[in-house]
Amino acid sequence: MLDLANGTYFGLDPVGARIWQLLGDGKTLWEVCDVIMDEYEVSRHDIERDVINLVAELENRGLINPT
């Protein structure tokens, strides 16, 4: 992703890109966690932590505006 405001590139790994896609589809954070659990072998705790951390980082960088 490119932050057009300051020209900074922000790269996502495949899981991060999938989370980004699901958020773009209008999924809630908990729905995103459910989908990721179905698609990857990872604990619910780890998924929730990673999704929340990614969303917080995107928000801090001004790349998303939570509604």
PDB file of N, CA and C in Angstrom:
ATOM      1  N   MET A   1       0.834  -1.164   0.000  1.00  0.00           N
ATOM      2  CA  MET A   1       0.000   0.000   0.000  1.00  0.00           C
ATOM      3  C   MET A   1       0.883   1.232   0.000  1.00  0.00           C
ATOM      4  N   LEU A   2       0.408   2.265  -0.618  1.00  0.00           N
ATOM      5  CA  LEU A   2       1.134   3.523  -0.667  1.00  0.00           C
ATOM      6  C   LEU A   2       0.321   4.577   0.055  1.00  0.00           C
ATOM      7  N   ASP A   3       0.931   5.206   1.045  1.00  0.00           N
ATOM      8  CA  ASP A   3       0.310   6.318   1.748  1.00  0.00           C
ATOM      9  C   ASP A   3       0.521   7.553   0.884  1.00  0.00           C
ATOM     10  N   LEU A   4      -0.519   7.997   0.214  1.00  0.00           N
ATOM     11  CA  LEU A   4      -0.397   9.114  -0.714  1.00  0.00           C
ATOM     12  C   LEU A   4      -0.082  10.429  -0.009  1.00  0.00           C
ATOM     13  N   ALA A   5      -0.447  10.530   1.268  1.00  0.00           N
ATOM     14  CA  ALA A   5      -0.208  11.766   2.004  1.00  0.00           C
ATOM     15  C   ALA A   5       1.284  12.047   2.172  1.00  0.00           C
ATOM     16  N   ASN A   6       2.086  10.990   2.373  1.00  0.00           N
ATOM     17  CA  ASN A   6       3.513  11.225   2.582  1.00  0.00           C
ATOM     18  C   ASN A   6       4.414  10.371   1.691  1.00  0.00           C
ATOM     19  N   GLY A   7       3.826   9.584   0.803  1.00  0.00           N
ATOM     20  CA  GLY A   7       4.610   8.790  -0.142  1.00  0.00           C
ATOM     21  C   GLY A   7       5.282   7.570   0.454  1.00  0.00           C
ATOM     22  N   THR A   8       4.848   7.155   1.633  1.00  0.00           N
ATOM     23  CA  THR A   8       5.437   5.997   2.289  1.00  0.00           C
ATOM     24  C   THR A   8       4.754   4.722   1.827  1.00  0.00           C
ATOM     25  N   TYR A   9       5.569   3.714   1.516  1.00  0.00           N
ATOM     26  CA  TYR A   9       5.054   2.406   1.122  1.00  0.00           C
ATOM     27  C   TYR A   9       4.936   1.543   2.363  1.00  0.00           C
ATOM     28  N   PHE A  10       3.797   0.864   2.485  1.00  0.00           N
ATOM     29  CA  PHE A  10       3.548  -0.035   3.614  1.00  0.00           C
ATOM     30  C   PHE A  10       3.227  -1.406   3.042  1.00  0.00           C
ATOM     31  N   GLY A  11       4.123  -2.368   3.235  1.00  0.00           N
ATOM     32  CA  GLY A  11       3.946  -3.700   2.681  1.00  0.00           C
ATOM     33  C   GLY A  11       3.225  -4.634   3.636  1.00  0.00           C
ATOM     34  N   LEU A  12       2.450  -5.541   3.081  1.00  0.00           N
ATOM     35  CA  LEU A  12       1.736  -6.544   3.862  1.00  0.00           C
ATOM     36  C   LEU A  12       2.143  -7.928   3.395  1.00  0.00           C
ATOM     37  N   ASP A  13       2.276  -8.858   4.354  1.00  0.00           N
ATOM     38  CA  ASP A  13       2.492 -10.249   3.969  1.00  0.00           C
ATOM     39  C   ASP A  13       1.152 -10.821   3.498  1.00  0.00           C
ATOM     40  N   PRO A  14       1.120 -12.060   3.012  1.00  0.00           N
ATOM     41  CA  PRO A  14      -0.138 -12.613   2.493  1.00  0.00           C
ATOM     42  C   PRO A  14      -1.292 -12.602   3.501  1.00  0.00           C
ATOM     43  N   VAL A  15      -1.004 -12.869   4.763  1.00  0.00           N
ATOM     44  CA  VAL A  15      -2.075 -12.854   5.770  1.00  0.00           C
ATOM     45  C   VAL A  15      -2.550 -11.420   6.000  1.00  0.00           C
ATOM     46  N   GLY A  16      -1.615 -10.492   6.084  1.00  0.00           N
ATOM     47  CA  GLY A  16      -1.984  -9.090   6.234  1.00  0.00           C
ATOM     48  C   GLY A  16      -2.807  -8.598   5.060  1.00  0.00           C
ATOM     49  N   ALA A  17      -2.439  -9.010   3.856  1.00  0.00           N
ATOM     50  CA  ALA A  17      -3.197  -8.631   2.665  1.00  0.00           C
ATOM     51  C   ALA A  17      -4.610  -9.218   2.710  1.00  0.00           C
ATOM     52  N   ARG A  18      -4.724 -10.438   3.212  1.00  0.00           N
ATOM     53  CA  ARG A  18      -6.049 -11.067   3.339  1.00  0.00           C
ATOM     54  C   ARG A  18      -6.895 -10.319   4.365  1.00  0.00           C
ATOM     55  N   ILE A  19      -6.286  -9.922   5.475  1.00  0.00           N
ATOM     56  CA  ILE A  19      -7.005  -9.138   6.479  1.00  0.00           C
ATOM     57  C   ILE A  19      -7.475  -7.820   5.866  1.00  0.00           C
ATOM     58  N   TRP A  20      -6.598  -7.165   5.126  1.00  0.00           N
ATOM     59  CA  TRP A  20      -6.933  -5.905   4.455  1.00  0.00           C
ATOM     60  C   TRP A  20      -8.125  -6.104   3.517  1.00  0.00           C
ATOM     61  N   GLN A  21      -8.099  -7.195   2.753  1.00  0.00           N
ATOM     62  CA  GLN A  21      -9.182  -7.486   1.821  1.00  0.00           C
ATOM     63  C   GLN A  21     -10.500  -7.694   2.568  1.00  0.00           C
ATOM     64  N   LEU A  22     -10.461  -8.453   3.633  1.00  0.00           N
ATOM     65  CA  LEU A  22     -11.678  -8.731   4.401  1.00  0.00           C
ATOM     66  C   LEU A  22     -12.232  -7.464   5.039  1.00  0.00           C
ATOM     67  N   LEU A  23     -11.355  -6.606   5.536  1.00  0.00           N
ATOM     68  CA  LEU A  23     -11.820  -5.334   6.089  1.00  0.00           C
ATOM     69  C   LEU A  23     -12.457  -4.478   4.997  1.00  0.00           C
ATOM     70  N   GLY A  24     -11.852  -4.501   3.818  1.00  0.00           N
ATOM     71  CA  GLY A  24     -12.406  -3.766   2.681  1.00  0.00           C
ATOM     72  C   GLY A  24     -13.760  -4.285   2.243  1.00  0.00           C
ATOM     73  N   ASP A  25     -14.005  -5.567   2.507  1.00  0.00           N
ATOM     74  CA  ASP A  25     -15.297  -6.168   2.190  1.00  0.00           C
ATOM     75  C   ASP A  25     -16.354  -5.834   3.236  1.00  0.00           C
ATOM     76  N   GLY A  26     -15.949  -5.082   4.276  1.00  0.00           N
ATOM     77  CA  GLY A  26     -16.898  -4.666   5.295  1.00  0.00           C
ATOM     78  C   GLY A  26     -17.040  -5.615   6.471  1.00  0.00           C
ATOM     79  N   LYS A  27     -16.131  -6.570   6.578  1.00  0.00           N
ATOM     80  CA  LYS A  27     -16.179  -7.517   7.697  1.00  0.00           C
ATOM     81  C   LYS A  27     -15.780  -6.807   8.992  1.00  0.00           C
ATOM     82  N   THR A  28     -16.381  -7.225  10.102  1.00  0.00           N
ATOM     83  CA  THR A  28     -15.960  -6.726  11.407  1.00  0.00           C
ATOM     84  C   THR A  28     -14.652  -7.407  11.774  1.00  0.00           C
ATOM     85  N   LEU A  29     -13.991  -6.893  12.810  1.00  0.00           N
ATOM     86  CA  LEU A  29     -12.749  -7.516  13.252  1.00  0.00           C
ATOM     87  C   LEU A  29     -12.973  -8.967  13.642  1.00  0.00           C
ATOM     88  N   TRP A  30     -14.075  -9.252  14.294  1.00  0.00           N
ATOM     89  CA  TRP A  30     -14.345 -10.624  14.738  1.00  0.00           C
ATOM     90  C   TRP A  30     -14.676 -11.535  13.559  1.00  0.00           C
ATOM     91  N   GLU A  31     -15.355 -10.995  12.541  1.00  0.00           N
ATOM     92  CA  GLU A  31     -15.608 -11.783  11.335  1.00  0.00           C
ATOM     93  C   GLU A  31     -14.296 -12.067  10.600  1.00  0.00           C
ATOM     94  N   VAL A  32     -13.401 -11.089  10.578  1.00  0.00           N
ATOM     95  CA  VAL A  32     -12.088 -11.290   9.969  1.00  0.00           C
ATOM     96  C   VAL A  32     -11.359 -12.419  10.686  1.00  0.00           C
ATOM     97  N   CYS A  33     -11.404 -12.404  12.015  1.00  0.00           N
ATOM     98  CA  CYS A  33     -10.750 -13.456  12.792  1.00  0.00           C
ATOM     99  C   CYS A  33     -11.341 -14.827  12.465  1.00  0.00           C
ATOM    100  N   ASP A  34     -12.656 -14.899  12.318  1.00  0.00           N
ATOM    101  CA  ASP A  34     -13.305 -16.174  11.978  1.00  0.00           C
ATOM    102  C   ASP A  34     -12.818 -16.697  10.633  1.00  0.00           C
ATOM    103  N   VAL A  35     -12.739 -15.822   9.638  1.00  0.00           N
ATOM    104  CA  VAL A  35     -12.298 -16.243   8.303  1.00  0.00           C
ATOM    105  C   VAL A  35     -10.843 -16.704   8.337  1.00  0.00           C
ATOM    106  N   ILE A  36      -9.990 -15.931   9.005  1.00  0.00           N
ATOM    107  CA  ILE A  36      -8.575 -16.296   9.072  1.00  0.00           C
ATOM    108  C   ILE A  36      -8.413 -17.635   9.788  1.00  0.00           C
ATOM    109  N   MET A  37      -9.197 -17.873  10.830  1.00  0.00           N
ATOM    110  CA  MET A  37      -9.133 -19.166  11.528  1.00  0.00           C
ATOM    111  C   MET A  37      -9.477 -20.314  10.600  1.00  0.00           C
ATOM    112  N   ASP A  38     -10.455 -20.085   9.714  1.00  0.00           N
ATOM    113  CA  ASP A  38     -10.848 -21.130   8.765  1.00  0.00           C
ATOM    114  C   ASP A  38      -9.775 -21.374   7.706  1.00  0.00           C
ATOM    115  N   GLU A  39      -9.001 -20.344   7.388  1.00  0.00           N
ATOM    116  CA  GLU A  39      -8.044 -20.435   6.284  1.00  0.00           C
ATOM    117  C   GLU A  39      -6.616 -20.812   6.712  1.00  0.00           C
ATOM    118  N   TYR A  40      -6.286 -20.577   7.962  1.00  0.00           N
ATOM    119  CA  TYR A  40      -4.925 -20.825   8.442  1.00  0.00           C
ATOM    120  C   TYR A  40      -4.973 -21.607   9.747  1.00  0.00           C
ATOM    121  N   GLU A  41      -3.938 -22.347  10.004  1.00  0.00           N
ATOM    122  CA  GLU A  41      -3.834 -23.097  11.265  1.00  0.00           C
ATOM    123  C   GLU A  41      -3.142 -22.223  12.295  1.00  0.00           C
ATOM    124  N   VAL A  42      -3.928 -21.519  13.072  1.00  0.00           N
ATOM    125  CA  VAL A  42      -3.413 -20.618  14.090  1.00  0.00           C
ATOM    126  C   VAL A  42      -4.455 -20.485  15.186  1.00  0.00           C
ATOM    127  N   SER A  43      -4.011 -20.211  16.397  1.00  0.00           N
ATOM    128  CA  SER A  43      -4.947 -20.121  17.518  1.00  0.00           C
ATOM    129  C   SER A  43      -5.770 -18.841  17.440  1.00  0.00           C
ATOM    130  N   ARG A  44      -6.935 -18.883  18.037  1.00  0.00           N
ATOM    131  CA  ARG A  44      -7.810 -17.711  18.077  1.00  0.00           C
ATOM    132  C   ARG A  44      -7.091 -16.547  18.765  1.00  0.00           C
ATOM    133  N   HIS A  45      -6.389 -16.850  19.840  1.00  0.00           N
ATOM    134  CA  HIS A  45      -5.652 -15.816  20.572  1.00  0.00           C
ATOM    135  C   HIS A  45      -4.660 -15.104  19.653  1.00  0.00           C
ATOM    136  N   ASP A  46      -3.880 -15.876  18.890  1.00  0.00           N
ATOM    137  CA  ASP A  46      -2.885 -15.282  17.992  1.00  0.00           C
ATOM    138  C   ASP A  46      -3.548 -14.468  16.887  1.00  0.00           C
ATOM    139  N   ILE A  47      -4.641 -14.974  16.359  1.00  0.00           N
ATOM    140  CA  ILE A  47      -5.353 -14.253  15.292  1.00  0.00           C
ATOM    141  C   ILE A  47      -5.857 -12.915  15.814  1.00  0.00           C
ATOM    142  N   GLU A  48      -6.532 -12.944  16.944  1.00  0.00           N
ATOM    143  CA  GLU A  48      -7.083 -11.699  17.496  1.00  0.00           C
ATOM    144  C   GLU A  48      -5.975 -10.689  17.757  1.00  0.00           C
ATOM    145  N   ARG A  49      -4.872 -11.135  18.349  1.00  0.00           N
ATOM    146  CA  ARG A  49      -3.745 -10.246  18.631  1.00  0.00           C
ATOM    147  C   ARG A  49      -3.210  -9.633  17.345  1.00  0.00           C
ATOM    148  N   ASP A  50      -2.998 -10.468  16.324  1.00  0.00           N
ATOM    149  CA  ASP A  50      -2.410  -9.986  15.077  1.00  0.00           C
ATOM    150  C   ASP A  50      -3.349  -9.053  14.318  1.00  0.00           C
ATOM    151  N   VAL A  51      -4.631  -9.383  14.283  1.00  0.00           N
ATOM    152  CA  VAL A  51      -5.601  -8.521  13.592  1.00  0.00           C
ATOM    153  C   VAL A  51      -5.690  -7.173  14.291  1.00  0.00           C
ATOM    154  N   ILE A  52      -5.788  -7.177  15.595  1.00  0.00           N
ATOM    155  CA  ILE A  52      -5.885  -5.923  16.345  1.00  0.00           C
ATOM    156  C   ILE A  52      -4.613  -5.090  16.170  1.00  0.00           C
ATOM    157  N   ASN A  53      -3.453  -5.744  16.221  1.00  0.00           N
ATOM    158  CA  ASN A  53      -2.191  -5.022  16.030  1.00  0.00           C
ATOM    159  C   ASN A  53      -2.090  -4.411  14.635  1.00  0.00           C
ATOM    160  N   LEU A  54      -2.477  -5.161  13.617  1.00  0.00           N
ATOM    161  CA  LEU A  54      -2.414  -4.644  12.253  1.00  0.00           C
ATOM    162  C   LEU A  54      -3.357  -3.462  12.082  1.00  0.00           C
ATOM    163  N   VAL A  55      -4.568  -3.593  12.564  1.00  0.00           N
ATOM    164  CA  VAL A  55      -5.540  -2.505  12.432  1.00  0.00           C
ATOM    165  C   VAL A  55      -5.043  -1.259  13.173  1.00  0.00           C
ATOM    166  N   ALA A  56      -4.484  -1.446  14.353  1.00  0.00           N
ATOM    167  CA  ALA A  56      -3.951  -0.308  15.118  1.00  0.00           C
ATOM    168  C   ALA A  56      -2.811   0.371  14.359  1.00  0.00           C
ATOM    169  N   GLU A  57      -1.935  -0.434  13.759  1.00  0.00           N
ATOM    170  CA  GLU A  57      -0.824   0.145  13.003  1.00  0.00           C
ATOM    171  C   GLU A  57      -1.318   0.897  11.776  1.00  0.00           C
ATOM    172  N   LEU A  58      -2.282   0.323  11.065  1.00  0.00           N
ATOM    173  CA  LEU A  58      -2.847   1.005   9.896  1.00  0.00           C
ATOM    174  C   LEU A  58      -3.517   2.312  10.298  1.00  0.00           C
ATOM    175  N   GLU A  59      -4.227   2.281  11.418  1.00  0.00           N
ATOM    176  CA  GLU A  59      -4.881   3.491  11.913  1.00  0.00           C
ATOM    177  C   GLU A  59      -3.847   4.540  12.317  1.00  0.00           C
ATOM    178  N   ASN A  60      -2.808   4.131  13.040  1.00  0.00           N
ATOM    179  CA  ASN A  60      -1.761   5.064  13.471  1.00  0.00           C
ATOM    180  C   ASN A  60      -1.059   5.717  12.290  1.00  0.00           C
ATOM    181  N   ARG A  61      -0.938   4.984  11.200  1.00  0.00           N
ATOM    182  CA  ARG A  61      -0.295   5.529   9.999  1.00  0.00           C
ATOM    183  C   ARG A  61      -1.269   6.330   9.139  1.00  0.00           C
ATOM    184  N   GLY A  62      -2.526   6.393   9.561  1.00  0.00           N
ATOM    185  CA  GLY A  62      -3.527   7.143   8.820  1.00  0.00           C
ATOM    186  C   GLY A  62      -4.001   6.460   7.557  1.00  0.00           C
ATOM    187  N   LEU A  63      -3.782   5.136   7.476  1.00  0.00           N
ATOM    188  CA  LEU A  63      -4.175   4.393   6.273  1.00  0.00           C
ATOM    189  C   LEU A  63      -5.618   3.911   6.328  1.00  0.00           C
ATOM    190  N   ILE A  64      -6.194   3.878   7.526  1.00  0.00           N
ATOM    191  CA  ILE A  64      -7.606   3.550   7.670  1.00  0.00           C
ATOM    192  C   ILE A  64      -8.218   4.490   8.696  1.00  0.00           C
ATOM    193  N   ASN A  65      -9.522   4.665   8.577  1.00  0.00           N
ATOM    194  CA  ASN A  65     -10.292   5.443   9.533  1.00  0.00           C
ATOM    195  C   ASN A  65     -11.412   4.553  10.040  1.00  0.00           C
ATOM    196  N   PRO A  66     -11.287   4.024  11.254  1.00  0.00           N
ATOM    197  CA  PRO A  66     -12.344   3.153  11.752  1.00  0.00           C
ATOM    198  C   PRO A  66     -13.649   3.912  11.896  1.00  0.00           C
ATOM    199  N   THR A  67     -14.722   3.197  11.625  1.00  0.00           N
ATOM    200  CA  THR A  67     -16.039   3.837  11.724  1.00  0.00           C
ATOM    201  C   THR A  67     -16.833   3.286  12.867  1.00  0.00           C
TER     202      THR A  67
END
